């Protein structure tokens, strides 16, 4: 795979990831879970920052723009939700949606980590050590941390059997923590 195709693949995947976090933010907002909503908003902002860094790296190190490529529009939000209001959501629907959202997040982050690791190896094997050891290694570290956090959050929900009362109780703390992290990103 050429260096151009490697960066194009990473870029397209990042755009899809931005859409996933944006939709998961709306997903949890619709469910009335402000903490989870802002958790994904934080990851959206962080990944947008990384997307800018990727494009900037490619521009200044290779002298080119990363070509736009096609990407899949992720269908995160069930179609029937668009014909309802937030107060229509039952706790059973909320519980199932939280579980689905957690699984979706973990699966996406694992796919992202696998892609970045493969692209790292491709760059390294083709002699583009600086790109592999610089920007791509940083992306792998970031996704590895997010994947660990996502798995931990998912495990916690599994252990508590998606108890709605416990989930509601944790929303304020998660919201405050993520809102603070978002402000830190905005200062950069």
N, C-alpha and C. Protein backbone atom coordinates (compact mmCIF):
# COMPACT_ATOMS: atom_id res chain seq x y z
N UNK A 1 0.86 -1.17 0.00
CA UNK A 1 0.00 0.00 0.00
C UNK A 1 0.91 1.23 0.00
N UNK A 2 0.58 2.22 -0.80
CA UNK A 2 1.39 3.44 -0.86
C UNK A 2 1.13 4.31 0.36
N UNK A 3 2.06 5.21 0.64
CA UNK A 3 1.89 6.12 1.76
C UNK A 3 0.63 6.97 1.57
N UNK A 4 0.36 7.36 0.32
CA UNK A 4 -0.86 8.13 0.05
C UNK A 4 -2.11 7.35 0.45
N UNK A 5 -2.15 6.08 0.08
CA UNK A 5 -3.32 5.24 0.39
C UNK A 5 -3.44 4.97 1.89
N UNK A 6 -2.31 4.86 2.55
CA UNK A 6 -2.32 4.65 4.00
C UNK A 6 -2.95 5.85 4.70
N UNK A 7 -2.49 7.04 4.36
CA UNK A 7 -3.04 8.24 4.99
C UNK A 7 -4.50 8.46 4.58
N UNK A 8 -4.84 8.11 3.36
CA UNK A 8 -6.23 8.24 2.91
C UNK A 8 -7.13 7.30 3.70
N UNK A 9 -6.68 6.07 3.93
CA UNK A 9 -7.47 5.10 4.70
C UNK A 9 -7.65 5.56 6.14
N UNK A 10 -6.58 6.05 6.74
CA UNK A 10 -6.67 6.54 8.12
C UNK A 10 -7.61 7.74 8.20
N UNK A 11 -7.47 8.65 7.27
CA UNK A 11 -8.31 9.85 7.25
C UNK A 11 -9.79 9.48 7.12
N UNK A 12 -10.11 8.59 6.19
CA UNK A 12 -11.51 8.18 6.00
C UNK A 12 -12.06 7.52 7.26
N UNK A 13 -11.23 6.70 7.89
CA UNK A 13 -11.66 6.03 9.12
C UNK A 13 -11.89 7.06 10.23
N UNK A 14 -11.04 8.07 10.28
CA UNK A 14 -11.20 9.11 11.30
C UNK A 14 -12.49 9.89 11.10
N UNK A 15 -12.83 10.18 9.85
CA UNK A 15 -14.08 10.90 9.57
C UNK A 15 -15.27 10.05 10.02
N UNK A 16 -15.22 8.77 9.74
CA UNK A 16 -16.29 7.88 10.20
C UNK A 16 -16.35 7.86 11.73
N UNK A 17 -15.18 7.87 12.36
CA UNK A 17 -15.14 7.89 13.82
C UNK A 17 -15.73 9.17 14.40
N UNK A 18 -15.47 10.30 13.73
CA UNK A 18 -16.08 11.56 14.17
C UNK A 18 -17.60 11.46 14.10
N UNK A 19 -18.09 10.86 13.03
CA UNK A 19 -19.53 10.69 12.89
C UNK A 19 -20.09 9.76 13.96
N UNK A 20 -19.37 8.71 14.27
CA UNK A 20 -19.83 7.76 15.30
C UNK A 20 -19.94 8.46 16.64
N UNK A 21 -18.91 9.21 17.02
CA UNK A 21 -18.97 9.89 18.32
C UNK A 21 -20.05 10.97 18.34
N UNK A 22 -20.22 11.66 17.24
CA UNK A 22 -21.28 12.67 17.16
C UNK A 22 -22.65 12.02 17.32
N UNK A 23 -22.84 10.90 16.65
CA UNK A 23 -24.13 10.21 16.73
C UNK A 23 -24.35 9.57 18.10
N UNK A 24 -23.27 9.01 18.68
CA UNK A 24 -23.42 8.46 20.03
C UNK A 24 -23.71 9.55 21.05
N UNK A 25 -23.16 10.74 20.84
CA UNK A 25 -23.47 11.86 21.71
C UNK A 25 -24.97 12.19 21.63
N UNK A 26 -25.48 12.27 20.42
CA UNK A 26 -26.92 12.53 20.23
C UNK A 26 -27.77 11.37 20.77
N UNK A 27 -27.31 10.17 20.55
CA UNK A 27 -27.97 8.94 21.01
C UNK A 27 -28.20 9.00 22.52
N UNK A 28 -27.12 9.27 23.25
CA UNK A 28 -27.23 9.31 24.70
C UNK A 28 -27.97 10.56 25.18
N UNK A 29 -27.83 11.66 24.45
CA UNK A 29 -28.60 12.85 24.78
C UNK A 29 -30.09 12.59 24.69
N UNK A 30 -30.48 11.86 23.64
CA UNK A 30 -31.89 11.50 23.46
C UNK A 30 -32.39 10.63 24.60
N UNK A 31 -31.51 9.77 25.10
CA UNK A 31 -31.88 8.89 26.21
C UNK A 31 -31.90 9.61 27.55
N UNK A 32 -31.45 10.87 27.57
CA UNK A 32 -31.43 11.64 28.81
C UNK A 32 -30.21 11.37 29.67
N UNK A 33 -29.14 10.90 29.05
CA UNK A 33 -27.92 10.54 29.78
C UNK A 33 -26.82 11.52 29.43
N UNK A 34 -26.85 12.66 30.10
CA UNK A 34 -25.96 13.77 29.78
C UNK A 34 -24.48 13.44 29.97
N UNK A 35 -24.15 12.60 30.93
CA UNK A 35 -22.76 12.20 31.14
C UNK A 35 -22.22 11.43 29.94
N UNK A 36 -22.96 10.44 29.49
CA UNK A 36 -22.54 9.66 28.32
C UNK A 36 -22.53 10.54 27.06
N UNK A 37 -23.51 11.43 26.99
CA UNK A 37 -23.57 12.36 25.86
C UNK A 37 -22.27 13.17 25.78
N UNK A 38 -21.83 13.71 26.91
CA UNK A 38 -20.62 14.54 26.92
C UNK A 38 -19.35 13.70 26.85
N UNK A 39 -19.41 12.46 27.25
CA UNK A 39 -18.28 11.55 27.08
C UNK A 39 -17.98 11.42 25.58
N UNK A 40 -19.01 11.21 24.79
CA UNK A 40 -18.80 11.06 23.34
C UNK A 40 -18.53 12.40 22.67
N UNK A 41 -19.06 13.46 23.22
CA UNK A 41 -18.73 14.78 22.69
C UNK A 41 -17.24 15.07 22.91
N UNK A 42 -16.74 14.70 24.09
CA UNK A 42 -15.31 14.86 24.37
C UNK A 42 -14.48 14.07 23.36
N UNK A 43 -14.85 12.82 23.13
CA UNK A 43 -14.09 12.00 22.19
C UNK A 43 -14.20 12.55 20.76
N UNK A 44 -15.33 13.13 20.45
CA UNK A 44 -15.48 13.78 19.14
C UNK A 44 -14.46 14.91 19.01
N UNK A 45 -14.38 15.78 20.00
CA UNK A 45 -13.45 16.90 19.95
C UNK A 45 -11.99 16.43 19.93
N UNK A 46 -11.68 15.44 20.75
CA UNK A 46 -10.32 14.92 20.80
C UNK A 46 -9.93 14.29 19.46
N UNK A 47 -10.83 13.53 18.88
CA UNK A 47 -10.53 12.89 17.60
C UNK A 47 -10.51 13.90 16.46
N UNK A 48 -11.29 14.95 16.58
CA UNK A 48 -11.21 16.01 15.58
C UNK A 48 -9.84 16.68 15.63
N UNK A 49 -9.33 16.87 16.84
CA UNK A 49 -7.99 17.44 17.00
C UNK A 49 -6.95 16.53 16.36
N UNK A 50 -7.10 15.22 16.55
CA UNK A 50 -6.18 14.27 15.94
C UNK A 50 -6.31 14.24 14.42
N UNK A 51 -7.52 14.41 13.94
CA UNK A 51 -7.76 14.47 12.49
C UNK A 51 -7.03 15.68 11.88
N UNK A 52 -7.11 16.80 12.56
CA UNK A 52 -6.40 18.00 12.10
C UNK A 52 -4.90 17.75 12.11
N UNK A 53 -4.40 17.13 13.19
CA UNK A 53 -2.97 16.81 13.28
C UNK A 53 -2.52 15.89 12.14
N UNK A 54 -3.33 14.88 11.84
CA UNK A 54 -2.99 13.96 10.75
C UNK A 54 -2.86 14.71 9.43
N UNK A 55 -3.83 15.55 9.13
CA UNK A 55 -3.80 16.31 7.89
C UNK A 55 -2.64 17.29 7.86
N UNK A 56 -2.37 17.91 8.98
CA UNK A 56 -1.25 18.85 9.07
C UNK A 56 0.08 18.10 8.90
N UNK A 57 0.21 16.97 9.53
CA UNK A 57 1.43 16.17 9.40
C UNK A 57 1.67 15.82 7.93
N UNK A 58 0.65 15.31 7.27
CA UNK A 58 0.79 14.89 5.88
C UNK A 58 1.14 16.07 4.99
N UNK A 59 0.51 17.19 5.23
CA UNK A 59 0.77 18.40 4.43
C UNK A 59 2.21 18.87 4.60
N UNK A 60 2.69 18.94 5.82
CA UNK A 60 4.02 19.49 6.07
C UNK A 60 5.16 18.49 5.89
N UNK A 61 4.88 17.21 5.99
CA UNK A 61 5.93 16.21 5.83
C UNK A 61 5.97 15.59 4.44
N UNK A 62 4.82 15.57 3.78
CA UNK A 62 4.76 14.99 2.43
C UNK A 62 4.40 16.03 1.37
N UNK A 63 4.02 17.23 1.81
CA UNK A 63 3.72 18.31 0.88
C UNK A 63 2.44 18.13 0.10
N UNK A 64 1.53 17.31 0.62
CA UNK A 64 0.30 17.00 -0.11
C UNK A 64 -0.91 17.09 0.82
N UNK A 65 -2.06 17.21 0.18
CA UNK A 65 -3.32 17.10 0.89
C UNK A 65 -3.75 15.64 0.86
N UNK A 66 -4.37 15.19 1.93
CA UNK A 66 -4.92 13.83 1.93
C UNK A 66 -6.19 13.87 1.09
N UNK A 67 -6.27 13.01 0.07
CA UNK A 67 -7.48 13.01 -0.76
C UNK A 67 -8.71 12.61 0.06
N UNK A 68 -9.82 13.22 -0.26
CA UNK A 68 -11.08 12.80 0.34
C UNK A 68 -11.42 11.43 -0.24
N UNK A 69 -11.89 10.57 0.59
CA UNK A 69 -12.33 9.28 0.07
C UNK A 69 -13.68 8.95 0.68
N UNK A 70 -14.27 7.94 0.15
CA UNK A 70 -15.60 7.59 0.63
C UNK A 70 -15.50 6.91 1.99
N UNK A 71 -16.55 7.05 2.75
CA UNK A 71 -16.63 6.41 4.05
C UNK A 71 -18.07 6.02 4.29
N UNK A 72 -18.25 5.13 5.20
CA UNK A 72 -19.58 4.63 5.53
C UNK A 72 -20.23 5.58 6.52
N UNK A 73 -21.48 5.93 6.26
CA UNK A 73 -22.23 6.73 7.22
C UNK A 73 -22.79 5.77 8.27
N UNK A 74 -22.25 5.81 9.47
CA UNK A 74 -22.67 4.83 10.48
C UNK A 74 -24.12 5.05 10.92
N UNK A 75 -24.86 3.96 10.96
CA UNK A 75 -26.25 4.00 11.42
C UNK A 75 -26.29 3.60 12.88
N UNK A 76 -26.07 4.58 13.72
CA UNK A 76 -26.02 4.33 15.17
C UNK A 76 -27.41 4.46 15.79
N UNK A 77 -28.11 5.48 15.39
CA UNK A 77 -29.41 5.78 15.99
C UNK A 77 -30.51 5.00 15.26
N UNK A 78 -31.28 4.21 16.00
CA UNK A 78 -32.38 3.47 15.37
C UNK A 78 -33.34 4.42 14.64
N UNK A 79 -33.76 4.02 13.47
CA UNK A 79 -34.61 4.86 12.62
C UNK A 79 -35.90 5.28 13.32
N UNK A 80 -36.49 4.38 14.11
CA UNK A 80 -37.78 4.71 14.75
C UNK A 80 -37.65 5.78 15.84
N UNK A 81 -36.41 6.05 16.32
CA UNK A 81 -36.24 7.10 17.32
C UNK A 81 -36.59 8.48 16.78
N UNK A 82 -36.44 8.66 15.49
CA UNK A 82 -36.67 9.97 14.90
C UNK A 82 -38.15 10.38 14.93
N UNK A 83 -39.03 9.43 15.17
CA UNK A 83 -40.46 9.75 15.23
C UNK A 83 -40.98 9.82 16.67
N UNK A 84 -40.06 9.86 17.62
CA UNK A 84 -40.44 9.92 19.03
C UNK A 84 -39.78 11.11 19.72
N UNK A 85 -40.24 11.38 20.93
CA UNK A 85 -39.62 12.39 21.79
C UNK A 85 -38.94 11.69 22.95
N UNK A 86 -38.06 12.42 23.60
CA UNK A 86 -37.27 11.83 24.68
C UNK A 86 -38.14 11.21 25.78
N UNK A 87 -39.24 11.85 26.11
CA UNK A 87 -40.07 11.33 27.21
C UNK A 87 -40.80 10.05 26.82
N UNK A 88 -40.77 9.66 25.54
CA UNK A 88 -41.38 8.40 25.10
C UNK A 88 -40.52 7.19 25.45
N UNK A 89 -39.26 7.39 25.77
CA UNK A 89 -38.33 6.28 25.98
C UNK A 89 -38.62 5.60 27.32
N UNK A 90 -38.83 4.29 27.25
CA UNK A 90 -39.04 3.52 28.47
C UNK A 90 -37.69 3.13 29.06
N UNK A 91 -37.69 2.77 30.32
CA UNK A 91 -36.45 2.35 30.96
C UNK A 91 -35.90 1.07 30.35
N UNK A 92 -36.77 0.20 29.90
CA UNK A 92 -36.31 -1.04 29.25
C UNK A 92 -35.61 -0.72 27.92
N UNK A 93 -36.19 0.19 27.16
CA UNK A 93 -35.56 0.63 25.91
C UNK A 93 -34.23 1.30 26.21
N UNK A 94 -34.22 2.15 27.23
CA UNK A 94 -33.00 2.85 27.64
C UNK A 94 -31.90 1.85 28.02
N UNK A 95 -32.26 0.86 28.82
CA UNK A 95 -31.31 -0.16 29.26
C UNK A 95 -30.71 -0.90 28.06
N UNK A 96 -31.55 -1.34 27.14
CA UNK A 96 -31.07 -2.05 25.95
C UNK A 96 -30.22 -1.15 25.07
N UNK A 97 -30.60 0.11 24.97
CA UNK A 97 -29.86 1.06 24.14
C UNK A 97 -28.48 1.34 24.73
N UNK A 98 -28.40 1.43 26.04
CA UNK A 98 -27.10 1.65 26.69
C UNK A 98 -26.19 0.47 26.39
N UNK A 99 -26.69 -0.73 26.51
CA UNK A 99 -25.89 -1.92 26.23
C UNK A 99 -25.43 -1.91 24.76
N UNK A 100 -26.32 -1.63 23.85
CA UNK A 100 -25.97 -1.57 22.43
C UNK A 100 -24.94 -0.48 22.17
N UNK A 101 -25.11 0.68 22.81
CA UNK A 101 -24.17 1.78 22.64
C UNK A 101 -22.78 1.42 23.14
N UNK A 102 -22.71 0.74 24.27
CA UNK A 102 -21.41 0.33 24.82
C UNK A 102 -20.71 -0.65 23.89
N UNK A 103 -21.45 -1.63 23.41
CA UNK A 103 -20.89 -2.63 22.51
C UNK A 103 -20.41 -1.97 21.22
N UNK A 104 -21.21 -1.06 20.69
CA UNK A 104 -20.85 -0.34 19.46
C UNK A 104 -19.56 0.43 19.65
N UNK A 105 -19.42 1.12 20.76
CA UNK A 105 -18.24 1.92 21.05
C UNK A 105 -16.99 1.05 21.15
N UNK A 106 -17.07 -0.01 21.95
CA UNK A 106 -15.91 -0.90 22.13
C UNK A 106 -15.51 -1.53 20.80
N UNK A 107 -16.47 -1.99 20.05
CA UNK A 107 -16.18 -2.62 18.76
C UNK A 107 -15.49 -1.63 17.82
N UNK A 108 -16.00 -0.40 17.76
CA UNK A 108 -15.40 0.62 16.89
C UNK A 108 -13.96 0.91 17.30
N UNK A 109 -13.72 1.09 18.56
CA UNK A 109 -12.37 1.42 19.02
C UNK A 109 -11.40 0.27 18.77
N UNK A 110 -11.87 -0.97 18.89
CA UNK A 110 -11.01 -2.12 18.58
C UNK A 110 -10.67 -2.14 17.09
N UNK A 111 -11.67 -1.89 16.24
CA UNK A 111 -11.41 -1.82 14.80
C UNK A 111 -10.42 -0.70 14.48
N UNK A 112 -10.56 0.41 15.15
CA UNK A 112 -9.67 1.55 14.93
C UNK A 112 -8.24 1.19 15.34
N UNK A 113 -8.10 0.59 16.48
CA UNK A 113 -6.76 0.20 16.94
C UNK A 113 -6.13 -0.78 15.96
N UNK A 114 -6.89 -1.75 15.50
CA UNK A 114 -6.37 -2.73 14.54
C UNK A 114 -5.93 -2.05 13.24
N UNK A 115 -6.74 -1.12 12.75
CA UNK A 115 -6.38 -0.40 11.52
C UNK A 115 -5.10 0.39 11.71
N UNK A 116 -5.02 1.15 12.79
CA UNK A 116 -3.84 1.97 13.04
C UNK A 116 -2.58 1.12 13.18
N UNK A 117 -2.69 -0.01 13.86
CA UNK A 117 -1.54 -0.90 14.00
C UNK A 117 -1.10 -1.43 12.63
N UNK A 118 -2.06 -1.81 11.79
CA UNK A 118 -1.72 -2.30 10.45
C UNK A 118 -1.08 -1.21 9.61
N UNK A 119 -1.59 0.01 9.71
CA UNK A 119 -1.04 1.12 8.93
C UNK A 119 0.36 1.49 9.44
N UNK A 120 0.56 1.36 10.75
CA UNK A 120 1.88 1.57 11.34
C UNK A 120 2.88 0.60 10.72
N UNK A 121 2.50 -0.67 10.68
CA UNK A 121 3.39 -1.69 10.11
C UNK A 121 3.66 -1.43 8.63
N UNK A 122 2.61 -1.05 7.89
CA UNK A 122 2.78 -0.74 6.46
C UNK A 122 3.77 0.40 6.27
N UNK A 123 3.60 1.46 7.05
CA UNK A 123 4.52 2.60 6.93
C UNK A 123 5.94 2.20 7.31
N UNK A 124 6.06 1.47 8.38
CA UNK A 124 7.38 1.05 8.84
C UNK A 124 8.06 0.16 7.79
N UNK A 125 7.33 -0.80 7.27
CA UNK A 125 7.89 -1.73 6.28
C UNK A 125 8.25 -1.04 4.96
N UNK A 126 7.56 0.05 4.66
CA UNK A 126 7.85 0.76 3.41
C UNK A 126 8.88 1.87 3.61
N UNK A 127 9.47 1.93 4.80
CA UNK A 127 10.55 2.88 5.04
C UNK A 127 10.11 4.26 5.51
N UNK A 128 8.86 4.43 5.82
CA UNK A 128 8.35 5.72 6.32
C UNK A 128 8.33 5.67 7.85
N UNK A 129 9.54 5.53 8.41
CA UNK A 129 9.69 5.36 9.86
C UNK A 129 9.19 6.56 10.65
N UNK A 130 9.49 7.75 10.15
CA UNK A 130 9.10 8.95 10.89
C UNK A 130 7.58 9.04 11.05
N UNK A 131 6.85 8.75 9.98
CA UNK A 131 5.39 8.80 10.06
C UNK A 131 4.88 7.72 11.00
N UNK A 132 5.45 6.53 10.89
CA UNK A 132 5.02 5.42 11.75
C UNK A 132 5.30 5.73 13.22
N UNK A 133 6.51 6.18 13.48
CA UNK A 133 6.92 6.42 14.87
C UNK A 133 6.39 7.73 15.42
N UNK A 134 5.95 8.61 14.55
CA UNK A 134 5.43 9.90 14.99
C UNK A 134 3.93 9.88 15.11
N UNK A 135 3.28 10.34 14.10
CA UNK A 135 1.83 10.56 14.14
C UNK A 135 1.04 9.27 14.36
N UNK A 136 1.41 8.18 13.71
CA UNK A 136 0.61 6.95 13.81
C UNK A 136 0.78 6.30 15.18
N UNK A 137 1.99 6.31 15.71
CA UNK A 137 2.20 5.77 17.06
C UNK A 137 1.36 6.55 18.08
N UNK A 138 1.30 7.87 17.93
CA UNK A 138 0.48 8.68 18.83
C UNK A 138 -1.00 8.32 18.71
N UNK A 139 -1.46 8.07 17.50
CA UNK A 139 -2.87 7.68 17.30
C UNK A 139 -3.15 6.32 17.96
N UNK A 140 -2.19 5.41 17.84
CA UNK A 140 -2.36 4.09 18.47
C UNK A 140 -2.44 4.24 19.98
N UNK A 141 -1.58 5.07 20.55
CA UNK A 141 -1.62 5.29 22.01
C UNK A 141 -2.97 5.86 22.43
N UNK A 142 -3.46 6.85 21.69
CA UNK A 142 -4.74 7.48 22.04
C UNK A 142 -5.89 6.47 21.97
N UNK A 143 -5.94 5.70 20.89
CA UNK A 143 -7.05 4.75 20.75
C UNK A 143 -6.92 3.62 21.76
N UNK A 144 -5.70 3.24 22.10
CA UNK A 144 -5.50 2.20 23.10
C UNK A 144 -6.06 2.65 24.45
N UNK A 145 -5.82 3.91 24.82
CA UNK A 145 -6.36 4.44 26.07
C UNK A 145 -7.89 4.52 26.02
N UNK A 146 -8.41 5.00 24.90
CA UNK A 146 -9.88 5.10 24.79
C UNK A 146 -10.51 3.72 24.82
N UNK A 147 -9.90 2.75 24.16
CA UNK A 147 -10.43 1.39 24.16
C UNK A 147 -10.43 0.82 25.58
N UNK A 148 -9.37 1.03 26.31
CA UNK A 148 -9.31 0.54 27.70
C UNK A 148 -10.42 1.19 28.54
N UNK A 149 -10.61 2.51 28.36
CA UNK A 149 -11.67 3.20 29.10
C UNK A 149 -13.06 2.69 28.70
N UNK A 150 -13.26 2.49 27.40
CA UNK A 150 -14.56 2.00 26.91
C UNK A 150 -14.85 0.60 27.44
N UNK A 151 -13.84 -0.26 27.42
CA UNK A 151 -14.02 -1.62 27.94
C UNK A 151 -14.33 -1.59 29.44
N UNK A 152 -13.66 -0.70 30.16
CA UNK A 152 -13.89 -0.61 31.61
C UNK A 152 -15.31 -0.12 31.89
N UNK A 153 -15.74 0.89 31.13
CA UNK A 153 -17.10 1.41 31.31
C UNK A 153 -18.12 0.32 30.98
N UNK A 154 -17.88 -0.40 29.91
CA UNK A 154 -18.78 -1.48 29.49
C UNK A 154 -18.84 -2.56 30.56
N UNK A 155 -17.67 -2.96 31.08
CA UNK A 155 -17.63 -3.99 32.12
C UNK A 155 -18.41 -3.54 33.36
N UNK A 156 -18.24 -2.28 33.72
CA UNK A 156 -18.96 -1.75 34.89
C UNK A 156 -20.48 -1.84 34.68
N UNK A 157 -20.92 -1.54 33.47
CA UNK A 157 -22.36 -1.62 33.18
C UNK A 157 -22.83 -3.07 33.21
N UNK A 158 -22.00 -3.97 32.70
CA UNK A 158 -22.35 -5.40 32.72
C UNK A 158 -22.47 -5.89 34.17
N UNK A 159 -21.51 -5.49 35.01
CA UNK A 159 -21.53 -5.92 36.42
C UNK A 159 -22.78 -5.39 37.12
N UNK A 160 -23.14 -4.15 36.85
CA UNK A 160 -24.32 -3.57 37.50
C UNK A 160 -25.61 -3.95 36.77
N UNK A 161 -25.47 -4.80 35.74
CA UNK A 161 -26.61 -5.29 34.96
C UNK A 161 -27.46 -4.14 34.40
N UNK A 162 -26.77 -3.09 34.01
CA UNK A 162 -27.40 -1.92 33.38
C UNK A 162 -28.53 -1.36 34.24
N UNK A 163 -28.30 -1.33 35.55
CA UNK A 163 -29.28 -0.78 36.48
C UNK A 163 -29.45 0.72 36.19
N UNK A 164 -30.64 1.10 35.80
CA UNK A 164 -30.92 2.48 35.38
C UNK A 164 -30.66 3.47 36.51
N UNK A 165 -31.01 3.10 37.74
CA UNK A 165 -30.79 4.02 38.86
C UNK A 165 -29.30 4.32 39.06
N UNK A 166 -28.48 3.28 39.01
CA UNK A 166 -27.03 3.48 39.15
C UNK A 166 -26.47 4.30 37.99
N UNK A 167 -26.96 4.03 36.80
CA UNK A 167 -26.49 4.75 35.61
C UNK A 167 -26.86 6.22 35.70
N UNK A 168 -28.07 6.51 36.14
CA UNK A 168 -28.50 7.90 36.28
C UNK A 168 -27.64 8.61 37.33
N UNK A 169 -27.33 7.92 38.41
CA UNK A 169 -26.54 8.53 39.48
C UNK A 169 -25.13 8.91 39.04
N UNK A 170 -24.56 8.21 38.09
CA UNK A 170 -23.19 8.51 37.66
C UNK A 170 -23.12 9.60 36.59
N UNK A 171 -24.25 10.03 36.05
CA UNK A 171 -24.24 10.97 34.93
C UNK A 171 -23.63 12.33 35.27
N UNK A 172 -23.94 12.88 36.43
CA UNK A 172 -23.41 14.20 36.79
C UNK A 172 -21.89 14.21 36.88
N UNK A 173 -21.32 13.18 37.50
CA UNK A 173 -19.86 13.12 37.62
C UNK A 173 -19.19 12.99 36.25
N UNK A 174 -19.73 12.13 35.41
CA UNK A 174 -19.16 11.94 34.06
C UNK A 174 -19.30 13.23 33.26
N UNK A 175 -20.45 13.87 33.37
CA UNK A 175 -20.69 15.13 32.65
C UNK A 175 -19.65 16.19 33.06
N UNK A 176 -19.47 16.38 34.36
CA UNK A 176 -18.52 17.40 34.84
C UNK A 176 -17.09 17.08 34.39
N UNK A 177 -16.70 15.84 34.50
CA UNK A 177 -15.36 15.42 34.11
C UNK A 177 -15.13 15.67 32.61
N UNK A 178 -16.09 15.28 31.80
CA UNK A 178 -15.93 15.43 30.34
C UNK A 178 -16.04 16.88 29.90
N UNK A 179 -16.89 17.64 30.53
CA UNK A 179 -17.00 19.06 30.20
C UNK A 179 -15.66 19.76 30.47
N UNK A 180 -15.03 19.42 31.57
CA UNK A 180 -13.72 19.98 31.89
C UNK A 180 -12.68 19.58 30.84
N UNK A 181 -12.69 18.32 30.44
CA UNK A 181 -11.76 17.85 29.41
C UNK A 181 -11.99 18.55 28.07
N UNK A 182 -13.24 18.82 27.76
CA UNK A 182 -13.56 19.53 26.50
C UNK A 182 -12.97 20.93 26.54
N UNK A 183 -13.09 21.60 27.68
CA UNK A 183 -12.52 22.95 27.80
C UNK A 183 -11.02 22.92 27.63
N UNK A 184 -10.37 21.88 28.13
CA UNK A 184 -8.91 21.77 27.99
C UNK A 184 -8.51 21.60 26.52
N UNK A 185 -9.31 20.86 25.77
CA UNK A 185 -9.04 20.69 24.34
C UNK A 185 -9.21 22.02 23.63
N UNK A 186 -10.24 22.76 23.98
CA UNK A 186 -10.53 24.03 23.32
C UNK A 186 -9.44 25.06 23.57
N UNK A 187 -8.66 24.91 24.66
CA UNK A 187 -7.60 25.85 24.96
C UNK A 187 -6.36 25.60 24.10
N UNK A 188 -6.28 24.46 23.48
CA UNK A 188 -5.11 24.12 22.67
C UNK A 188 -5.09 24.90 21.36
